C-alpha atoms as a PDB file:
ATOM      1  CA  MET A   1      -0.013  -0.041  -0.012  1.00  0.00           C
ATOM      2  CA  THR A   2       2.366   2.690   1.248  1.00  0.00           C
ATOM      3  CA  LYS A   3       4.619   4.935  -0.821  1.00  0.00           C
ATOM      4  CA  TYR A   4       6.371   8.083   0.006  1.00  0.00           C
ATOM      5  CA  ALA A   5       5.544  11.451  -1.728  1.00  0.00           C
ATOM      6  CA  PRO A   6       7.779  14.339  -0.851  1.00  0.00           C
ATOM      7  CA  GLY A   7       6.306  17.622  -1.824  1.00  0.00           C
ATOM      8  CA  LYS A   8       8.036  18.011  -5.190  1.00  0.00           C
ATOM      9  CA  GLU A   9       6.541  14.763  -6.538  1.00  0.00           C
ATOM     10  CA  GLN A  10       3.276  15.131  -8.264  1.00  0.00           C
ATOM     11  CA  HIS A  11       2.266  11.550  -8.628  1.00  0.00           C
ATOM     12  CA  LYS A  12      -1.358  10.449  -8.275  1.00  0.00           C
ATOM     13  CA  ALA A  13      -1.973   7.484  -6.265  1.00  0.00           C
ATOM     14  CA  LYS A  14      -3.101   4.410  -8.333  1.00  0.00           C
ATOM     15  CA  LYS A  15      -6.050   2.635  -6.714  1.00  0.00           C
ATOM     16  CA  SER A  16      -5.253  -0.408  -8.881  1.00  0.00           C
ATOM     17  CA  LEU A  17      -1.932  -0.807  -7.224  1.00  0.00           C
ATOM     18  CA  GLY A  18      -3.269  -0.058  -3.652  1.00  0.00           C
ATOM     19  CA  GLN A  19      -1.200   3.110  -3.362  1.00  0.00           C
ATOM     20  CA  ASN A  20      -1.376   5.574  -0.570  1.00  0.00           C
ATOM     21  CA  PHE A  21       1.660   7.868  -0.165  1.00  0.00           C
ATOM     22  CA  LEU A  22       3.468   8.079   3.198  1.00  0.00           C
ATOM     23  CA  VAL A  23       3.875  11.636   4.268  1.00  0.00           C
ATOM     24  CA  ASP A  24       4.936  11.207   7.933  1.00  0.00           C
ATOM     25  CA  SER A  25       8.661  11.435   7.882  1.00  0.00           C
ATOM     26  CA  THR A  26       9.006   9.692  11.341  1.00  0.00           C
ATOM     27  CA  VAL A  27       7.653   6.388  10.273  1.00  0.00           C
ATOM     28  CA  CYS A  28      10.413   5.075   7.820  1.00  0.00           C
ATOM     29  CA  PRO A  29      13.227   5.532  10.308  1.00  0.00           C
ATOM     30  CA  ARG A  30      11.304   3.481  12.948  1.00  0.00           C
ATOM     31  CA  ILE A  31      10.660   0.677  10.367  1.00  0.00           C
ATOM     32  CA  ALA A  32      14.454   0.660   9.348  1.00  0.00           C
ATOM     33  CA  GLU A  33      15.476   0.524  13.012  1.00  0.00           C
ATOM     34  CA  LYS A  34      12.976  -2.240  13.943  1.00  0.00           C
ATOM     35  CA  ALA A  35      13.955  -4.231  10.876  1.00  0.00           C
ATOM     36  CA  GLN A  36      17.412  -4.891  12.440  1.00  0.00           C
ATOM     37  CA  ILE A  37      19.214  -4.796   9.129  1.00  0.00           C
ATOM     38  CA  ASP A  38      22.607  -3.267  10.003  1.00  0.00           C
ATOM     39  CA  GLY A  39      25.330  -4.604   7.841  1.00  0.00           C
ATOM     40  CA  ILE A  40      23.200  -7.205   5.938  1.00  0.00           C
ATOM     41  CA  GLY A  41      21.248  -7.282   2.734  1.00  0.00           C
ATOM     42  CA  VAL A  42      17.669  -6.048   2.265  1.00  0.00           C
ATOM     43  CA  LEU A  43      15.074  -6.981  -0.306  1.00  0.00           C
ATOM     44  CA  GLU A  44      12.650  -4.120  -0.258  1.00  0.00           C
ATOM     45  CA  ILE A  45       9.017  -4.535  -1.630  1.00  0.00           C
ATOM     46  CA  GLY A  46       7.373  -1.468  -2.958  1.00  0.00           C
ATOM     47  CA  PRO A  47       9.907   1.462  -2.505  1.00  0.00           C
ATOM     48  CA  GLY A  48       7.714   4.017  -4.078  1.00  0.00           C
ATOM     49  CA  PHE A  49       9.641   7.295  -4.031  1.00  0.00           C
ATOM     50  CA  GLY A  50      12.333   5.812  -1.732  1.00  0.00           C
ATOM     51  CA  ALA A  51      11.820   7.282   1.680  1.00  0.00           C
ATOM     52  CA  LEU A  52      12.092   3.881   3.392  1.00  0.00           C
ATOM     53  CA  THR A  53      14.856   2.796   0.902  1.00  0.00           C
ATOM     54  CA  VAL A  54      16.941   5.740   1.978  1.00  0.00           C
ATOM     55  CA  GLU A  55      16.658   4.678   5.667  1.00  0.00           C
ATOM     56  CA  LEU A  56      17.497   1.108   4.741  1.00  0.00           C
ATOM     57  CA  ALA A  57      20.448   2.099   2.574  1.00  0.00           C
ATOM     58  CA  ARG A  58      21.920   4.017   5.559  1.00  0.00           C
ATOM     59  CA  ARG A  59      21.936   0.806   7.583  1.00  0.00           C
ATOM     60  CA  ALA A  60      22.135  -2.226   5.322  1.00  0.00           C
ATOM     61  CA  GLU A  61      25.203  -3.528   3.327  1.00  0.00           C
ATOM     62  CA  LYS A  62      23.057  -3.653   0.094  1.00  0.00           C
ATOM     63  CA  VAL A  63      19.402  -2.954  -0.766  1.00  0.00           C
ATOM     64  CA  VAL A  64      17.486  -4.375  -3.805  1.00  0.00           C
ATOM     65  CA  ALA A  65      14.102  -2.683  -4.261  1.00  0.00           C
ATOM     66  CA  ILE A  66      11.415  -4.074  -6.387  1.00  0.00           C
ATOM     67  CA  GLU A  67       8.795  -1.693  -7.623  1.00  0.00           C
ATOM     68  CA  ILE A  68       5.821  -2.521  -9.828  1.00  0.00           C
ATOM     69  CA  ASP A  69       5.013   1.083 -10.854  1.00  0.00           C
ATOM     70  CA  GLU A  70       7.311   2.143 -13.646  1.00  0.00           C
ATOM     71  CA  ASP A  71       5.941   5.714 -13.623  1.00  0.00           C
ATOM     72  CA  VAL A  72       7.631   6.295 -10.101  1.00  0.00           C
ATOM     73  CA  ILE A  73      11.053   4.773 -11.089  1.00  0.00           C
ATOM     74  CA  PRO A  74      12.586   7.879 -12.567  1.00  0.00           C
ATOM     75  CA  GLN A  75      11.933   9.939  -9.446  1.00  0.00           C
ATOM     76  CA  LEU A  76      12.848   6.902  -7.291  1.00  0.00           C
ATOM     77  CA  LEU A  77      16.308   6.649  -9.013  1.00  0.00           C
ATOM     78  CA  GLU A  78      16.856  10.337  -8.575  1.00  0.00           C
ATOM     79  CA  ASN A  79      16.060  10.253  -4.853  1.00  0.00           C
ATOM     80  CA  LEU A  80      18.483   7.329  -4.381  1.00  0.00           C
ATOM     81  CA  SER A  81      21.305   8.691  -6.530  1.00  0.00           C
ATOM     82  CA  GLU A  82      23.630   9.217  -3.518  1.00  0.00           C
ATOM     83  CA  PHE A  83      23.289   5.583  -2.450  1.00  0.00           C
ATOM     84  CA  PRO A  84      25.546   3.273  -4.564  1.00  0.00           C
ATOM     85  CA  ASN A  85      24.438   0.314  -2.527  1.00  0.00           C
ATOM     86  CA  VAL A  86      20.866   0.359  -3.838  1.00  0.00           C
ATOM     87  CA  THR A  87      19.605  -1.571  -6.880  1.00  0.00           C
ATOM     88  CA  VAL A  88      16.093  -0.859  -8.287  1.00  0.00           C
ATOM     89  CA  ILE A  89      14.172  -3.579 -10.215  1.00  0.00           C
ATOM     90  CA  GLN A  90      10.979  -2.837 -11.924  1.00  0.00           C
ATOM     91  CA  GLY A  91       8.650  -5.817 -11.513  1.00  0.00           C
ATOM     92  CA  ASP A  92       5.895  -7.515  -9.633  1.00  0.00           C
ATOM     93  CA  ALA A  93       7.011  -9.116  -6.373  1.00  0.00           C
ATOM     94  CA  MET A  94       4.315 -11.896  -6.902  1.00  0.00           C
ATOM     95  CA  GLU A  95       5.871 -12.847 -10.163  1.00  0.00           C
ATOM     96  CA  VAL A  96       9.600 -12.152  -9.842  1.00  0.00           C
ATOM     97  CA  ASP A  97      11.710 -15.353  -9.283  1.00  0.00           C
ATOM     98  CA  LEU A  98      12.601 -14.330  -5.823  1.00  0.00           C
ATOM     99  CA  ARG A  99      14.948 -17.259  -4.997  1.00  0.00           C
ATOM    100  CA  LEU A 100      16.922 -16.579  -8.151  1.00  0.00           C
ATOM    101  CA  LEU A 101      17.054 -12.800  -7.473  1.00  0.00           C
ATOM    102  CA  LEU A 102      18.321 -13.365  -3.896  1.00  0.00           C
ATOM    103  CA  GLU A 103      21.001 -15.669  -5.138  1.00  0.00           C
ATOM    104  CA  GLU A 104      22.207 -13.384  -7.926  1.00  0.00           C
ATOM    105  CA  GLN A 105      21.962 -10.096  -5.949  1.00  0.00           C
ATOM    106  CA  PHE A 106      23.112 -11.170  -2.447  1.00  0.00           C
ATOM    107  CA  GLY A 107      25.010 -14.530  -2.742  1.00  0.00           C
ATOM    108  CA  ASP A 108      25.684 -15.762   0.652  1.00  0.00           C
ATOM    109  CA  MET A 109      24.941 -12.481   2.391  1.00  0.00           C
ATOM    110  CA  PRO A 110      22.294 -12.602   5.185  1.00  0.00           C
ATOM    111  CA  VAL A 111      19.150 -11.015   3.931  1.00  0.00           C
ATOM    112  CA  ALA A 112      15.913  -9.593   5.347  1.00  0.00           C
ATOM    113  CA  ILE A 113      12.644  -8.618   3.461  1.00  0.00           C
ATOM    114  CA  VAL A 114      11.340  -5.103   4.270  1.00  0.00           C
ATOM    115  CA  GLY A 115       8.512  -3.176   2.745  1.00  0.00           C
ATOM    116  CA  ASN A 116       5.149  -1.554   2.641  1.00  0.00           C
ATOM    117  CA  LEU A 117       2.839  -4.094   1.164  1.00  0.00           C
ATOM    118  CA  PRO A 118      -0.251  -3.341  -1.025  1.00  0.00           C
ATOM    119  CA  TYR A 119      -3.125  -4.241   1.309  1.00  0.00           C
ATOM    120  CA  TYR A 120      -5.067  -6.170  -1.350  1.00  0.00           C
ATOM    121  CA  ILE A 121      -2.294  -8.781  -1.624  1.00  0.00           C
ATOM    122  CA  THR A 122      -0.777  -8.756   1.830  1.00  0.00           C
ATOM    123  CA  SER A 123      -1.499 -12.342   2.846  1.00  0.00           C
ATOM    124  CA  PRO A 124      -0.570 -13.797  -0.725  1.00  0.00           C
ATOM    125  CA  LEU A 125       2.730 -12.013  -0.613  1.00  0.00           C
ATOM    126  CA  ILE A 126       3.687 -13.030   2.895  1.00  0.00           C
ATOM    127  CA  MET A 127       2.623 -16.581   2.309  1.00  0.00           C
ATOM    128  CA  ARG A 128       4.676 -16.642  -0.894  1.00  0.00           C
ATOM    129  CA  PHE A 129       7.713 -15.461   1.074  1.00  0.00           C
ATOM    130  CA  LEU A 130       7.108 -18.119   3.743  1.00  0.00           C
ATOM    131  CA  GLU A 131       6.026 -21.155   1.708  1.00  0.00           C
ATOM    132  CA  GLU A 132       8.852 -20.825  -0.777  1.00  0.00           C
ATOM    133  CA  GLU A 133      11.173 -20.992   2.288  1.00  0.00           C
ATOM    134  CA  LEU A 134      13.390 -18.215   0.835  1.00  0.00           C
ATOM    135  CA  PRO A 135      16.700 -17.821   2.433  1.00  0.00           C
ATOM    136  CA  VAL A 136      15.891 -14.779   4.461  1.00  0.00           C
ATOM    137  CA  GLU A 137      16.236 -14.050   8.205  1.00  0.00           C
ATOM    138  CA  SER A 138      13.239 -12.015   8.771  1.00  0.00           C
ATOM    139  CA  ILE A 139      10.267 -10.137   7.226  1.00  0.00           C
ATOM    140  CA  THR A 140       9.382  -6.646   8.459  1.00  0.00           C
ATOM    141  CA  VAL A 141       6.410  -5.081   6.691  1.00  0.00           C
ATOM    142  CA  MET A 142       3.651  -2.472   7.036  1.00  0.00           C
ATOM    143  CA  VAL A 143       0.125  -3.926   6.589  1.00  0.00           C
ATOM    144  CA  GLN A 144      -3.409  -3.046   7.463  1.00  0.00           C
ATOM    145  CA  LYS A 145      -3.703  -3.312  11.287  1.00  0.00           C
ATOM    146  CA  GLU A 146      -6.523  -5.892  11.005  1.00  0.00           C
ATOM    147  CA  ALA A 147      -4.480  -8.019   8.689  1.00  0.00           C
ATOM    148  CA  GLY A 148      -1.499  -7.711  11.078  1.00  0.00           C
ATOM    149  CA  GLN A 149      -3.513  -8.768  14.019  1.00  0.00           C
ATOM    150  CA  ARG A 150      -4.771 -11.840  12.079  1.00  0.00           C
ATOM    151  CA  LEU A 151      -1.237 -12.734  10.734  1.00  0.00           C
ATOM    152  CA  CYS A 152       0.283 -12.567  14.208  1.00  0.00           C
ATOM    153  CA  ALA A 153      -2.659 -14.207  16.155  1.00  0.00           C
ATOM    154  CA  VAL A 154      -1.476 -16.951  18.442  1.00  0.00           C
ATOM    155  CA  PRO A 155      -2.724 -20.382  17.601  1.00  0.00           C
ATOM    156  CA  GLY A 156      -5.307 -21.314  20.192  1.00  0.00           C
ATOM    157  CA  SER A 157      -6.687 -17.946  20.341  1.00  0.00           C
ATOM    158  CA  ARG A 158     -10.028 -16.564  18.987  1.00  0.00           C
ATOM    159  CA  GLU A 159      -8.316 -14.318  16.278  1.00  0.00           C
ATOM    160  CA  CYS A 160      -6.320 -17.238  14.958  1.00  0.00           C
ATOM    161  CA  GLY A 161      -7.037 -18.515  11.381  1.00  0.00           C
ATOM    162  CA  ALA A 162      -5.414 -20.647   8.752  1.00  0.00           C
ATOM    163  CA  VAL A 163      -3.099 -17.957   7.740  1.00  0.00           C
ATOM    164  CA  SER A 164      -2.055 -17.332  11.403  1.00  0.00           C
ATOM    165  CA  ALA A 165      -1.132 -21.059  11.715  1.00  0.00           C
ATOM    166  CA  ALA A 166       0.997 -20.842   8.606  1.00  0.00           C
ATOM    167  CA  VAL A 167       2.819 -17.740   9.846  1.00  0.00           C
ATOM    168  CA  TRP A 168       3.489 -19.436  13.162  1.00  0.00           C
ATOM    169  CA  TYR A 169       4.653 -22.620  11.488  1.00  0.00           C
ATOM    170  CA  TYR A 170       7.418 -20.720   9.636  1.00  0.00           C
ATOM    171  CA  SER A 171       8.135 -17.770  11.866  1.00  0.00           C
ATOM    172  CA  GLU A 172       7.835 -16.009  15.176  1.00  0.00           C
ATOM    173  CA  PRO A 173       5.547 -12.938  14.488  1.00  0.00           C
ATOM    174  CA  LYS A 174       5.170  -9.816  16.497  1.00  0.00           C
ATOM    175  CA  ILE A 175       3.298  -6.512  15.965  1.00  0.00           C
ATOM    176  CA  LEU A 176       5.790  -3.671  16.371  1.00  0.00           C
ATOM    177  CA  PHE A 177       3.703  -0.416  16.222  1.00  0.00           C
ATOM    178  CA  ASP A 178       0.721   1.208  14.672  1.00  0.00           C
ATOM    179  CA  VAL A 179       0.678   3.821  11.930  1.00  0.00           C
ATOM    180  CA  ARG A 180      -2.301   6.284  11.900  1.00  0.00           C
ATOM    181  CA  PRO A 181      -4.274   6.976   8.841  1.00  0.00           C
ATOM    182  CA  GLY A 182      -3.191  10.648   8.858  1.00  0.00           C
ATOM    183  CA  ALA A 183       0.351   9.542   7.980  1.00  0.00           C
ATOM    184  CA  PHE A 184      -0.727   8.879   4.456  1.00  0.00           C
ATOM    185  CA  ARG A 185      -2.108  10.784   1.444  1.00  0.00           C
ATOM    186  CA  PRO A 186      -4.749  10.035   0.489  1.00  0.00           C
ATOM    187  CA  GLN A 187      -5.763   8.985   3.944  1.00  0.00           C
ATOM    188  CA  PRO A 188      -6.920   5.296   4.212  1.00  0.00           C
ATOM    189  CA  LYS A 189      -9.960   4.513   6.204  1.00  0.00           C
ATOM    190  CA  VAL A 190      -8.002   2.141   8.444  1.00  0.00           C
ATOM    191  CA  THR A 191      -5.101   2.104  10.760  1.00  0.00           C
ATOM    192  CA  SER A 192      -1.866   0.412   9.611  1.00  0.00           C
ATOM    193  CA  CYS A 193       0.754  -1.451  11.594  1.00  0.00           C
ATOM    194  CA  VAL A 194       4.255  -2.715  11.255  1.00  0.00           C
ATOM    195  CA  ILE A 195       4.850  -6.440  11.926  1.00  0.00           C
ATOM    196  CA  ARG A 196       8.043  -8.430  12.090  1.00  0.00           C
ATOM    197  CA  LEU A 197       8.315 -12.146  11.280  1.00  0.00           C
ATOM    198  CA  GLU A 198      11.464 -13.754  12.554  1.00  0.00           C
ATOM    199  CA  ILE A 199      12.051 -16.872  10.350  1.00  0.00           C
ATOM    200  CA  ARG A 200      12.483 -20.132  12.229  1.00  0.00           C
ATOM    201  CA  LYS A 201      15.461 -22.211  11.491  1.00  0.00           C
ATOM    202  CA  GLU A 202      13.053 -25.190  11.891  1.00  0.00           C
ATOM    203  CA  PRO A 203       9.207 -25.247  11.624  1.00  0.00           C
ATOM    204  CA  SER A 204       7.394 -24.678  14.957  1.00  0.00           C
ATOM    205  CA  VAL A 205       6.037 -28.354  14.876  1.00  0.00           C
ATOM    206  CA  ASP A 206       7.427 -31.497  13.256  1.00  0.00           C
ATOM    207  CA  VAL A 207       5.227 -32.831  10.552  1.00  0.00           C
ATOM    208  CA  ASN A 208       5.848 -35.614   8.032  1.00  0.00           C
ATOM    209  CA  ASP A 209       3.814 -34.070   5.209  1.00  0.00           C
ATOM    210  CA  THR A 210       3.606 -30.267   5.192  1.00  0.00           C
ATOM    211  CA  GLU A 211       1.047 -30.176   2.285  1.00  0.00           C
ATOM    212  CA  TRP A 212      -1.272 -32.558   4.136  1.00  0.00           C
ATOM    213  CA  PHE A 213      -0.827 -30.692   7.463  1.00  0.00           C
ATOM    214  CA  PHE A 214      -1.989 -27.348   5.859  1.00  0.00           C
ATOM    215  CA  SER A 215      -4.805 -29.178   4.071  1.00  0.00           C
ATOM    216  CA  VAL A 216      -6.073 -30.159   7.548  1.00  0.00           C
ATOM    217  CA  VAL A 217      -5.608 -26.710   8.900  1.00  0.00           C
ATOM    218  CA  ARG A 218      -7.390 -25.043   6.077  1.00  0.00           C
ATOM    219  CA  ALA A 219     -10.190 -27.504   6.344  1.00  0.00           C
ATOM    220  CA  ALA A 220     -10.612 -26.984  10.032  1.00  0.00           C
ATOM    221  CA  PHE A 221     -10.855 -23.252   9.470  1.00  0.00           C
ATOM    222  CA  GLY A 222     -12.854 -23.483   6.355  1.00  0.00           C
ATOM    223  CA  GLN A 223     -16.254 -23.400   8.166  1.00  0.00           C
ATOM    224  CA  ARG A 224     -15.642 -21.416  11.297  1.00  0.00           C
ATOM    225  CA  ARG A 225     -19.078 -21.720  12.576  1.00  0.00           C
ATOM    226  CA  LYS A 226     -18.809 -25.512  12.686  1.00  0.00           C
ATOM    227  CA  THR A 227     -16.776 -27.606  14.933  1.00  0.00           C
ATOM    228  CA  ALA A 228     -13.349 -28.805  13.608  1.00  0.00           C
ATOM    229  CA  LEU A 229     -14.843 -32.282  13.363  1.00  0.00           C
ATOM    230  CA  ASN A 230     -17.660 -31.240  11.091  1.00  0.00           C
ATOM    231  CA  ALA A 231     -15.572 -28.878   9.030  1.00  0.00           C
ATOM    232  CA  ILE A 232     -12.723 -31.360   8.445  1.00  0.00           C
ATOM    233  CA  SER A 233     -15.129 -34.086   7.537  1.00  0.00           C
ATOM    234  CA  ALA A 234     -16.985 -31.897   5.051  1.00  0.00           C
ATOM    235  CA  LEU A 235     -14.045 -30.251   3.393  1.00  0.00           C
ATOM    236  CA  LEU A 236     -11.713 -33.161   3.295  1.00  0.00           C
ATOM    237  CA  GLY A 237     -14.377 -35.720   2.597  1.00  0.00           C
ATOM    238  CA  THR A 238     -13.264 -37.866   5.501  1.00  0.00           C
ATOM    239  CA  GLY A 239     -15.794 -39.853   7.462  1.00  0.00           C
ATOM    240  CA  LYS A 240     -16.712 -38.291  10.739  1.00  0.00           C
ATOM    241  CA  ASP A 241     -15.810 -41.424  12.702  1.00  0.00           C
ATOM    242  CA  ALA A 242     -12.319 -41.245  11.363  1.00  0.00           C
ATOM    243  CA  VAL A 243     -11.969 -37.611  12.165  1.00  0.00           C
ATOM    244  CA  ARG A 244     -13.514 -38.154  15.568  1.00  0.00           C
ATOM    245  CA  ASN A 245     -10.997 -40.907  16.427  1.00  0.00           C
ATOM    246  CA  ALA A 246      -8.112 -38.946  15.071  1.00  0.00           C
ATOM    247  CA  MET A 247      -9.085 -36.038  17.287  1.00  0.00           C
ATOM    248  CA  ALA A 248      -9.454 -38.349  20.404  1.00  0.00           C
ATOM    249  CA  GLU A 249      -5.989 -39.679  19.789  1.00  0.00           C
ATOM    250  CA  ALA A 250      -4.669 -36.240  19.595  1.00  0.00           C
ATOM    251  CA  GLY A 251      -6.412 -35.205  22.914  1.00  0.00           C
ATOM    252  CA  ILE A 252      -8.793 -32.884  21.234  1.00  0.00           C
ATOM    253  CA  ALA A 253     -12.422 -32.620  22.394  1.00  0.00           C
ATOM    254  CA  GLU A 254     -15.025 -33.666  19.864  1.00  0.00           C
ATOM    255  CA  ASN A 255     -16.813 -30.255  20.095  1.00  0.00           C
ATOM    256  CA  ALA A 256     -13.572 -28.239  19.712  1.00  0.00           C
ATOM    257  CA  ARG A 257     -13.408 -25.437  17.106  1.00  0.00           C
ATOM    258  CA  ALA A 258     -10.352 -24.789  14.983  1.00  0.00           C
ATOM    259  CA  GLU A 259      -9.370 -21.582  16.782  1.00  0.00           C
ATOM    260  CA  THR A 260      -9.000 -23.418  20.073  1.00  0.00           C
ATOM    261  CA  LEU A 261      -6.389 -25.811  18.705  1.00  0.00           C
ATOM    262  CA  THR A 262      -2.651 -25.375  19.276  1.00  0.00           C
ATOM    263  CA  MET A 263       0.040 -25.985  16.629  1.00  0.00           C
ATOM    264  CA  GLU A 264       0.942 -29.277  18.462  1.00  0.00           C
ATOM    265  CA  GLN A 265      -2.630 -30.386  18.325  1.00  0.00           C
ATOM    266  CA  PHE A 266      -2.987 -29.583  14.625  1.00  0.00           C
ATOM    267  CA  ALA A 267       0.213 -31.558  13.899  1.00  0.00           C
ATOM    268  CA  ALA A 268      -0.956 -34.595  15.921  1.00  0.00           C
ATOM    269  CA  LEU A 269      -4.374 -34.470  14.237  1.00  0.00           C
ATOM    270  CA  ALA A 270      -2.953 -34.214  10.743  1.00  0.00           C
ATOM    271  CA  GLU A 271      -0.622 -37.184  11.466  1.00  0.00           C
ATOM    272  CA  ASN A 272      -3.426 -39.325  12.891  1.00  0.00           C
ATOM    273  CA  LEU A 273      -5.742 -38.445   9.775  1.00  0.00           C
ATOM    274  CA  ARG A 274      -2.863 -39.213   7.451  1.00  0.00           C
ATOM    275  CA  LYS A 275      -2.671 -42.753   8.781  1.00  0.00           C
ATOM    276  CA  LYS A 276      -6.497 -43.366   8.478  1.00  0.00           C
END
């Protein structure tokens, strides 16, 4: 979503790209500081006019910024002209071969992902970063506050959903700070927040089949008004008796709902169902 528009830039925000321009000069330094990127590489998503890029470049060894909007790139390059450690790539972060890019641009250097994500593709982008198991140490991004709360919700809590479980599987998430609507032009109708995902060296739970594990998680959350038993049975096409027995073996109550289950319970349930 967020870009930066200093006074001299006259660039109209593009709704199709989810653009709102960041005009509060205090936000970018805070993001860069919280990202903990001193002396390492940074892959920045959506630099806009480069306000955050500048702060990253002052701390990081190297910054590679991917910007989808070719119209802002001339001004972006001008704004970054004094920083030889920044490379700008025009492209869509959902389509670029990120693993190849990281290898070509950073080699063996430790890398963190930082950025202001378009709100309409926040979850798909983050899930792409996580599911592809990119060789990065952390992800620090600004997102809509509601999305940030959902992404960081602890498994077993009411706010947890399938995407929360996935985030916790691959990382340790934390909400860092909020950003008010007035920090942007045009002002969005919602509050934003900055979150940090510290990538785990090993998944939070040990599973034999990751794809099956997430199939069970998605099914459990697929019909939130139903119990996990009914939702899993309906969406996976597994008999209720088999699901009921698998839940019992995992120590899960028959009337439990998905949001009450811990990662360990999901892992045990998935393994039990896999053997049925």
